[in-house]
């Protein structure tokens, strides 16, 4: 997973290699939590004061504020997936672009599964030497081949 993230971001990355690696590891942790339907793992790299916009499939129309509230939305969503028989997901981040600007980073990518393409934007900030997600923007649309 991490090797794929490194290769996918190579053309778009624009800063110090160590920061790029740390941001990629943070994103890989987020994606791994999604794949395992593990809400605690998904939000582990989030800042306590993070915000999120979720896609329609999460049944959360307004902005969510705070790590605990974001985790609650993921828990509800994962519980619904499990009720429908899903035990894990295979997600492939595609078209990843990582832009660093000092203590901030913006990472965009697509996650494709079935007929849906999911767009993700993560805004990260380095705090006390650790990259934390401070905002997630997620949207989905139907993939047309």
C-alpha atoms as a PDB file:
ATOM      1  CA  UNK A   1       0.000   0.000   0.000  1.00  0.00           C
ATOM      2  CA  UNK A   2       2.630   2.561   1.026  1.00  0.00           C
ATOM      3  CA  UNK A   3       4.824   1.738  -1.970  1.00  0.00           C
ATOM      4  CA  UNK A   4       1.825   2.397  -4.218  1.00  0.00           C
ATOM      5  CA  UNK A   5       1.254   5.718  -2.501  1.00  0.00           C
ATOM      6  CA  UNK A   6       4.883   6.685  -2.997  1.00  0.00           C
ATOM      7  CA  UNK A   7       4.790   5.848  -6.696  1.00  0.00           C
ATOM      8  CA  UNK A   8       1.442   7.535  -7.194  1.00  0.00           C
ATOM      9  CA  UNK A   9       2.614  10.807  -5.685  1.00  0.00           C
ATOM     10  CA  UNK A  10       6.028  11.024  -7.295  1.00  0.00           C
ATOM     11  CA  UNK A  11       4.897  13.189 -10.208  1.00  0.00           C
ATOM     12  CA  UNK A  12       2.961  15.638  -8.066  1.00  0.00           C
ATOM     13  CA  UNK A  13       5.059  15.968  -4.889  1.00  0.00           C
ATOM     14  CA  UNK A  14       6.893  19.205  -4.338  1.00  0.00           C
ATOM     15  CA  UNK A  15       8.911  19.346  -1.122  1.00  0.00           C
ATOM     16  CA  UNK A  16      11.266  17.672   1.339  1.00  0.00           C
ATOM     17  CA  UNK A  17      11.447  13.891   0.914  1.00  0.00           C
ATOM     18  CA  UNK A  18      11.072  13.211   4.661  1.00  0.00           C
ATOM     19  CA  UNK A  19       7.898  15.320   4.880  1.00  0.00           C
ATOM     20  CA  UNK A  20       6.531  13.632   1.763  1.00  0.00           C
ATOM     21  CA  UNK A  21       7.149  10.203   3.301  1.00  0.00           C
ATOM     22  CA  UNK A  22       5.543  11.199   6.607  1.00  0.00           C
ATOM     23  CA  UNK A  23       2.457  12.582   4.838  1.00  0.00           C
ATOM     24  CA  UNK A  24       2.220   9.452   2.667  1.00  0.00           C
ATOM     25  CA  UNK A  25       2.407   7.272   5.790  1.00  0.00           C
ATOM     26  CA  UNK A  26      -0.391   9.296   7.383  1.00  0.00           C
ATOM     27  CA  UNK A  27      -2.575   8.867   4.286  1.00  0.00           C
ATOM     28  CA  UNK A  28      -1.752   5.138   4.150  1.00  0.00           C
ATOM     29  CA  UNK A  29      -2.875   4.786   7.775  1.00  0.00           C
ATOM     30  CA  UNK A  30      -6.179   6.516   6.952  1.00  0.00           C
ATOM     31  CA  UNK A  31      -6.792   4.280   3.900  1.00  0.00           C
ATOM     32  CA  UNK A  32      -5.876   1.115   5.820  1.00  0.00           C
ATOM     33  CA  UNK A  33      -8.460   1.966   8.475  1.00  0.00           C
ATOM     34  CA  UNK A  34     -11.060   2.397   5.733  1.00  0.00           C
ATOM     35  CA  UNK A  35     -10.163  -0.957   4.199  1.00  0.00           C
ATOM     36  CA  UNK A  36     -10.567  -2.725   7.543  1.00  0.00           C
ATOM     37  CA  UNK A  37     -13.777  -0.874   8.520  1.00  0.00           C
ATOM     38  CA  UNK A  38     -11.965   0.301  11.647  1.00  0.00           C
ATOM     39  CA  UNK A  39     -13.229   3.719  12.694  1.00  0.00           C
ATOM     40  CA  UNK A  40     -10.613   4.154  15.434  1.00  0.00           C
ATOM     41  CA  UNK A  41      -7.811   3.437  12.942  1.00  0.00           C
ATOM     42  CA  UNK A  42      -9.341   5.778  10.346  1.00  0.00           C
ATOM     43  CA  UNK A  43      -9.340   8.728  12.732  1.00  0.00           C
ATOM     44  CA  UNK A  44      -6.062   7.915  14.514  1.00  0.00           C
ATOM     45  CA  UNK A  45      -4.145  10.353  12.261  1.00  0.00           C
ATOM     46  CA  UNK A  46      -6.768  13.118  12.691  1.00  0.00           C
ATOM     47  CA  UNK A  47      -6.243  16.197  14.795  1.00  0.00           C
ATOM     48  CA  UNK A  48      -8.621  16.611  17.737  1.00  0.00           C
ATOM     49  CA  UNK A  49     -10.100  19.729  16.097  1.00  0.00           C
ATOM     50  CA  UNK A  50     -10.440  18.234  12.601  1.00  0.00           C
ATOM     51  CA  UNK A  51     -13.450  18.845  10.365  1.00  0.00           C
ATOM     52  CA  UNK A  52     -15.002  16.687   7.645  1.00  0.00           C
ATOM     53  CA  UNK A  53     -17.519  16.724   4.836  1.00  0.00           C
ATOM     54  CA  UNK A  54     -18.809  13.231   4.051  1.00  0.00           C
ATOM     55  CA  UNK A  55     -20.360  11.839   0.863  1.00  0.00           C
ATOM     56  CA  UNK A  56     -24.104  11.196   0.669  1.00  0.00           C
ATOM     57  CA  UNK A  57     -23.550   7.505   1.412  1.00  0.00           C
ATOM     58  CA  UNK A  58     -22.559   8.409   4.994  1.00  0.00           C
ATOM     59  CA  UNK A  59     -25.958  10.071   5.624  1.00  0.00           C
ATOM     60  CA  UNK A  60     -24.275  13.114   7.143  1.00  0.00           C
ATOM     61  CA  UNK A  61     -25.345  16.292   5.381  1.00  0.00           C
ATOM     62  CA  UNK A  62     -23.556  18.912   7.475  1.00  0.00           C
ATOM     63  CA  UNK A  63     -19.904  19.540   8.288  1.00  0.00           C
ATOM     64  CA  UNK A  64     -18.686  17.362  11.162  1.00  0.00           C
ATOM     65  CA  UNK A  65     -16.437  19.013  13.727  1.00  0.00           C
ATOM     66  CA  UNK A  66     -14.012  17.248  16.047  1.00  0.00           C
ATOM     67  CA  UNK A  67     -12.246  13.894  15.951  1.00  0.00           C
ATOM     68  CA  UNK A  68     -14.827  12.135  18.139  1.00  0.00           C
ATOM     69  CA  UNK A  69     -17.734  13.282  15.975  1.00  0.00           C
ATOM     70  CA  UNK A  70     -15.895  12.206  12.816  1.00  0.00           C
ATOM     71  CA  UNK A  71     -15.221   8.798  14.348  1.00  0.00           C
ATOM     72  CA  UNK A  72     -18.922   8.438  15.205  1.00  0.00           C
ATOM     73  CA  UNK A  73     -19.881   8.986  11.540  1.00  0.00           C
ATOM     74  CA  UNK A  74     -17.369   6.361  10.417  1.00  0.00           C
ATOM     75  CA  UNK A  75     -18.648   3.930  13.083  1.00  0.00           C
ATOM     76  CA  UNK A  76     -22.245   4.323  11.869  1.00  0.00           C
ATOM     77  CA  UNK A  77     -21.197   3.930   8.244  1.00  0.00           C
ATOM     78  CA  UNK A  78     -19.065   0.837   8.940  1.00  0.00           C
ATOM     79  CA  UNK A  79     -21.840  -0.711  11.054  1.00  0.00           C
ATOM     80  CA  UNK A  80     -24.215  -0.292   8.098  1.00  0.00           C
ATOM     81  CA  UNK A  81     -21.695  -1.915   5.747  1.00  0.00           C
ATOM     82  CA  UNK A  82     -21.326  -4.855   8.144  1.00  0.00           C
ATOM     83  CA  UNK A  83     -25.120  -5.253   8.384  1.00  0.00           C
ATOM     84  CA  UNK A  84     -25.088  -5.577   4.596  1.00  0.00           C
ATOM     85  CA  UNK A  85     -22.390  -8.273   4.729  1.00  0.00           C
ATOM     86  CA  UNK A  86     -19.250  -6.237   4.001  1.00  0.00           C
ATOM     87  CA  UNK A  87     -16.313  -7.230   6.197  1.00  0.00           C
ATOM     88  CA  UNK A  88     -13.555  -5.259   4.479  1.00  0.00           C
ATOM     89  CA  UNK A  89     -12.875  -3.193   1.381  1.00  0.00           C
ATOM     90  CA  UNK A  90     -10.091  -3.200  -1.155  1.00  0.00           C
ATOM     91  CA  UNK A  91      -9.295   0.405  -1.952  1.00  0.00           C
ATOM     92  CA  UNK A  92      -6.822   1.576  -4.524  1.00  0.00           C
ATOM     93  CA  UNK A  93      -5.802   5.217  -4.225  1.00  0.00           C
ATOM     94  CA  UNK A  94      -5.441   6.569  -7.753  1.00  0.00           C
ATOM     95  CA  UNK A  95      -4.250   9.860  -9.240  1.00  0.00           C
ATOM     96  CA  UNK A  96      -2.773  10.972  -5.942  1.00  0.00           C
ATOM     97  CA  UNK A  97      -1.361  14.462  -5.752  1.00  0.00           C
ATOM     98  CA  UNK A  98       0.563  15.656  -2.697  1.00  0.00           C
ATOM     99  CA  UNK A  99       1.357  19.359  -2.291  1.00  0.00           C
ATOM    100  CA  UNK A 100       3.425  20.568   0.649  1.00  0.00           C
ATOM    101  CA  UNK A 101       3.653  24.165   1.837  1.00  0.00           C
ATOM    102  CA  UNK A 102       5.715  24.466   4.986  1.00  0.00           C
ATOM    103  CA  UNK A 103       3.685  23.088   7.873  1.00  0.00           C
ATOM    104  CA  UNK A 104       0.680  22.230   5.668  1.00  0.00           C
ATOM    105  CA  UNK A 105      -0.071  19.597   3.050  1.00  0.00           C
ATOM    106  CA  UNK A 106      -2.972  18.939   0.707  1.00  0.00           C
ATOM    107  CA  UNK A 107      -3.451  15.431  -0.646  1.00  0.00           C
ATOM    108  CA  UNK A 108      -6.052  14.562  -3.273  1.00  0.00           C
ATOM    109  CA  UNK A 109      -6.838  11.157  -4.740  1.00  0.00           C
ATOM    110  CA  UNK A 110      -9.571   8.867  -6.023  1.00  0.00           C
ATOM    111  CA  UNK A 111     -10.648   5.596  -4.461  1.00  0.00           C
ATOM    112  CA  UNK A 112     -12.326   3.310  -6.946  1.00  0.00           C
ATOM    113  CA  UNK A 113     -14.569   0.427  -5.992  1.00  0.00           C
ATOM    114  CA  UNK A 114     -17.268  -1.166  -8.116  1.00  0.00           C
ATOM    115  CA  UNK A 115     -19.155   1.468 -10.094  1.00  0.00           C
ATOM    116  CA  UNK A 116     -18.296   4.316  -7.740  1.00  0.00           C
ATOM    117  CA  UNK A 117     -15.360   6.670  -7.878  1.00  0.00           C
ATOM    118  CA  UNK A 118     -14.707   8.362  -4.562  1.00  0.00           C
ATOM    119  CA  UNK A 119     -12.860  11.660  -4.473  1.00  0.00           C
ATOM    120  CA  UNK A 120     -10.885  12.479  -1.361  1.00  0.00           C
ATOM    121  CA  UNK A 121      -9.099  15.624  -0.247  1.00  0.00           C
ATOM    122  CA  UNK A 122      -7.093  15.611   2.968  1.00  0.00           C
ATOM    123  CA  UNK A 123      -5.617  18.746   4.476  1.00  0.00           C
ATOM    124  CA  UNK A 124      -2.825  18.033   6.922  1.00  0.00           C
ATOM    125  CA  UNK A 125      -0.808  20.166   9.305  1.00  0.00           C
ATOM    126  CA  UNK A 126       2.438  19.334  11.043  1.00  0.00           C
ATOM    127  CA  UNK A 127       2.118  19.800  14.783  1.00  0.00           C
ATOM    128  CA  UNK A 128       5.005  19.043  17.117  1.00  0.00           C
ATOM    129  CA  UNK A 129       6.718  17.160  14.282  1.00  0.00           C
ATOM    130  CA  UNK A 130       3.711  14.923  13.492  1.00  0.00           C
ATOM    131  CA  UNK A 131       1.473  15.248  10.443  1.00  0.00           C
ATOM    132  CA  UNK A 132      -2.215  15.271  11.397  1.00  0.00           C
ATOM    133  CA  UNK A 133      -5.291  15.398   9.184  1.00  0.00           C
ATOM    134  CA  UNK A 134      -7.168  18.612   9.943  1.00  0.00           C
ATOM    135  CA  UNK A 135      -9.812  18.313   7.219  1.00  0.00           C
ATOM    136  CA  UNK A 136     -11.371  15.591   5.093  1.00  0.00           C
ATOM    137  CA  UNK A 137     -13.578  16.332   2.104  1.00  0.00           C
ATOM    138  CA  UNK A 138     -15.167  13.247   0.567  1.00  0.00           C
ATOM    139  CA  UNK A 139     -17.502  12.922  -2.389  1.00  0.00           C
ATOM    140  CA  UNK A 140     -18.646  10.051  -4.574  1.00  0.00           C
ATOM    141  CA  UNK A 141     -19.939   9.785  -8.101  1.00  0.00           C
ATOM    142  CA  UNK A 142     -20.904   6.953 -10.392  1.00  0.00           C
ATOM    143  CA  UNK A 143     -18.118   5.765 -12.639  1.00  0.00           C
ATOM    144  CA  UNK A 144     -18.994   5.759 -16.297  1.00  0.00           C
ATOM    145  CA  UNK A 145     -16.809   3.579 -18.481  1.00  0.00           C
END
